[in-house]
Amino acid sequence: MSRQLIYDYFAGKKTGYAIEIADVLEFEHPVDPKKIFKDFLPPQSFRYLDGKDYSKILQQSWKASA
């Protein structure tokens, strides 16, 4: 993601925040979060994951690769 894309995204806003994510674990097969979390919202929102949630994501990833 370019710096310009971030500036464009926040254009016209008084305040904006972004967090760089490093060491990303990319699954071999995509996981649809709407199949795991009924109340999933797109990236403009956030969700804290506990161990149970993380396990659900991993299980879904493993099913997709089987």
C-alpha atoms as a PDB file:
ATOM      1  CA  MET A   1       0.000   0.000   0.000  1.00  0.00           C
ATOM      2  CA  SER A   2       1.471   3.312  -1.007  1.00  0.00           C
ATOM      3  CA  ARG A   3       1.688   6.416   1.145  1.00  0.00           C
ATOM      4  CA  GLN A   4      -0.339   8.275  -1.504  1.00  0.00           C
ATOM      5  CA  LEU A   5      -3.161   5.721  -1.310  1.00  0.00           C
ATOM      6  CA  ILE A   6      -3.345   6.271   2.447  1.00  0.00           C
ATOM      7  CA  TYR A   7      -3.409  10.056   2.003  1.00  0.00           C
ATOM      8  CA  ASP A   8      -6.155   9.710  -0.612  1.00  0.00           C
ATOM      9  CA  TYR A   9      -8.189   7.462   1.701  1.00  0.00           C
ATOM     10  CA  PHE A  10      -8.047  10.038   4.516  1.00  0.00           C
ATOM     11  CA  ALA A  11      -8.538  13.074   2.229  1.00  0.00           C
ATOM     12  CA  GLY A  12     -10.947  15.599   3.733  1.00  0.00           C
ATOM     13  CA  LYS A  13     -10.818  14.031   7.205  1.00  0.00           C
ATOM     14  CA  LYS A  14      -9.685  16.036  10.214  1.00  0.00           C
ATOM     15  CA  THR A  15      -8.044  12.993  11.819  1.00  0.00           C
ATOM     16  CA  GLY A  16      -7.124   9.545  10.595  1.00  0.00           C
ATOM     17  CA  TYR A  17      -5.230   6.581  11.978  1.00  0.00           C
ATOM     18  CA  ALA A  18      -3.564   3.642  10.299  1.00  0.00           C
ATOM     19  CA  ILE A  19      -1.671   0.710  11.725  1.00  0.00           C
ATOM     20  CA  GLU A  20       1.032  -1.106   9.826  1.00  0.00           C
ATOM     21  CA  ILE A  21       0.745  -4.859  10.182  1.00  0.00           C
ATOM     22  CA  ALA A  22       3.942  -6.887   9.930  1.00  0.00           C
ATOM     23  CA  ASP A  23       4.654 -10.620  10.003  1.00  0.00           C
ATOM     24  CA  VAL A  24       1.332 -11.490   8.371  1.00  0.00           C
ATOM     25  CA  LEU A  25       0.285 -15.135   8.348  1.00  0.00           C
ATOM     26  CA  GLU A  26      -1.199 -15.719   4.897  1.00  0.00           C
ATOM     27  CA  PHE A  27      -3.389 -18.786   4.603  1.00  0.00           C
ATOM     28  CA  GLU A  28      -2.954 -21.081   1.632  1.00  0.00           C
ATOM     29  CA  HIS A  29      -6.727 -20.954   1.096  1.00  0.00           C
ATOM     30  CA  PRO A  30      -8.771 -17.822   1.887  1.00  0.00           C
ATOM     31  CA  VAL A  31     -11.122 -17.788   4.866  1.00  0.00           C
ATOM     32  CA  ASP A  32     -14.436 -15.915   4.563  1.00  0.00           C
ATOM     33  CA  PRO A  33     -14.861 -14.106   7.911  1.00  0.00           C
ATOM     34  CA  LYS A  34     -18.642 -13.871   7.395  1.00  0.00           C
ATOM     35  CA  LYS A  35     -18.797 -17.672   7.689  1.00  0.00           C
ATOM     36  CA  ILE A  36     -17.079 -17.517  11.088  1.00  0.00           C
ATOM     37  CA  PHE A  37     -18.442 -14.322  12.652  1.00  0.00           C
ATOM     38  CA  LYS A  38     -22.130 -13.443  12.147  1.00  0.00           C
ATOM     39  CA  ASP A  39     -21.501  -9.776  12.971  1.00  0.00           C
ATOM     40  CA  PHE A  40     -18.383  -9.339  10.832  1.00  0.00           C
ATOM     41  CA  LEU A  41     -17.919  -5.830   9.426  1.00  0.00           C
ATOM     42  CA  PRO A  42     -15.500  -4.698   6.714  1.00  0.00           C
ATOM     43  CA  PRO A  43     -12.060  -3.254   7.552  1.00  0.00           C
ATOM     44  CA  GLN A  44     -13.396   0.115   8.712  1.00  0.00           C
ATOM     45  CA  SER A  45     -14.186  -1.707  11.938  1.00  0.00           C
ATOM     46  CA  PHE A  46     -12.134  -3.943  14.193  1.00  0.00           C
ATOM     47  CA  ARG A  47     -12.512  -6.996  16.327  1.00  0.00           C
ATOM     48  CA  TYR A  48     -10.391  -8.358  19.135  1.00  0.00           C
ATOM     49  CA  LEU A  49      -9.696 -12.066  18.702  1.00  0.00           C
ATOM     50  CA  ASP A  50      -9.473 -14.370  21.652  1.00  0.00           C
ATOM     51  CA  GLY A  51      -8.007 -17.873  21.543  1.00  0.00           C
ATOM     52  CA  LYS A  52     -11.380 -19.412  20.642  1.00  0.00           C
ATOM     53  CA  ASP A  53     -11.857 -17.041  17.685  1.00  0.00           C
ATOM     54  CA  TYR A  54      -8.323 -17.700  16.465  1.00  0.00           C
ATOM     55  CA  SER A  55      -8.953 -21.446  16.643  1.00  0.00           C
ATOM     56  CA  LYS A  56     -12.113 -21.051  14.528  1.00  0.00           C
ATOM     57  CA  ILE A  57     -10.123 -19.213  11.863  1.00  0.00           C
ATOM     58  CA  LEU A  58      -7.402 -21.855  11.814  1.00  0.00           C
ATOM     59  CA  GLN A  59      -9.960 -24.674  11.627  1.00  0.00           C
ATOM     60  CA  GLN A  60     -11.706 -22.996   8.696  1.00  0.00           C
ATOM     61  CA  SER A  61      -8.371 -22.584   6.933  1.00  0.00           C
ATOM     62  CA  TRP A  62      -7.534 -26.261   7.431  1.00  0.00           C
ATOM     63  CA  LYS A  63     -10.955 -27.338   6.093  1.00  0.00           C
ATOM     64  CA  ALA A  64     -10.382 -25.288   2.941  1.00  0.00           C
ATOM     65  CA  SER A  65      -7.036 -26.985   2.339  1.00  0.00           C
ATOM     66  CA  ALA A  66      -8.446 -30.522   2.767  1.00  0.00           C
END
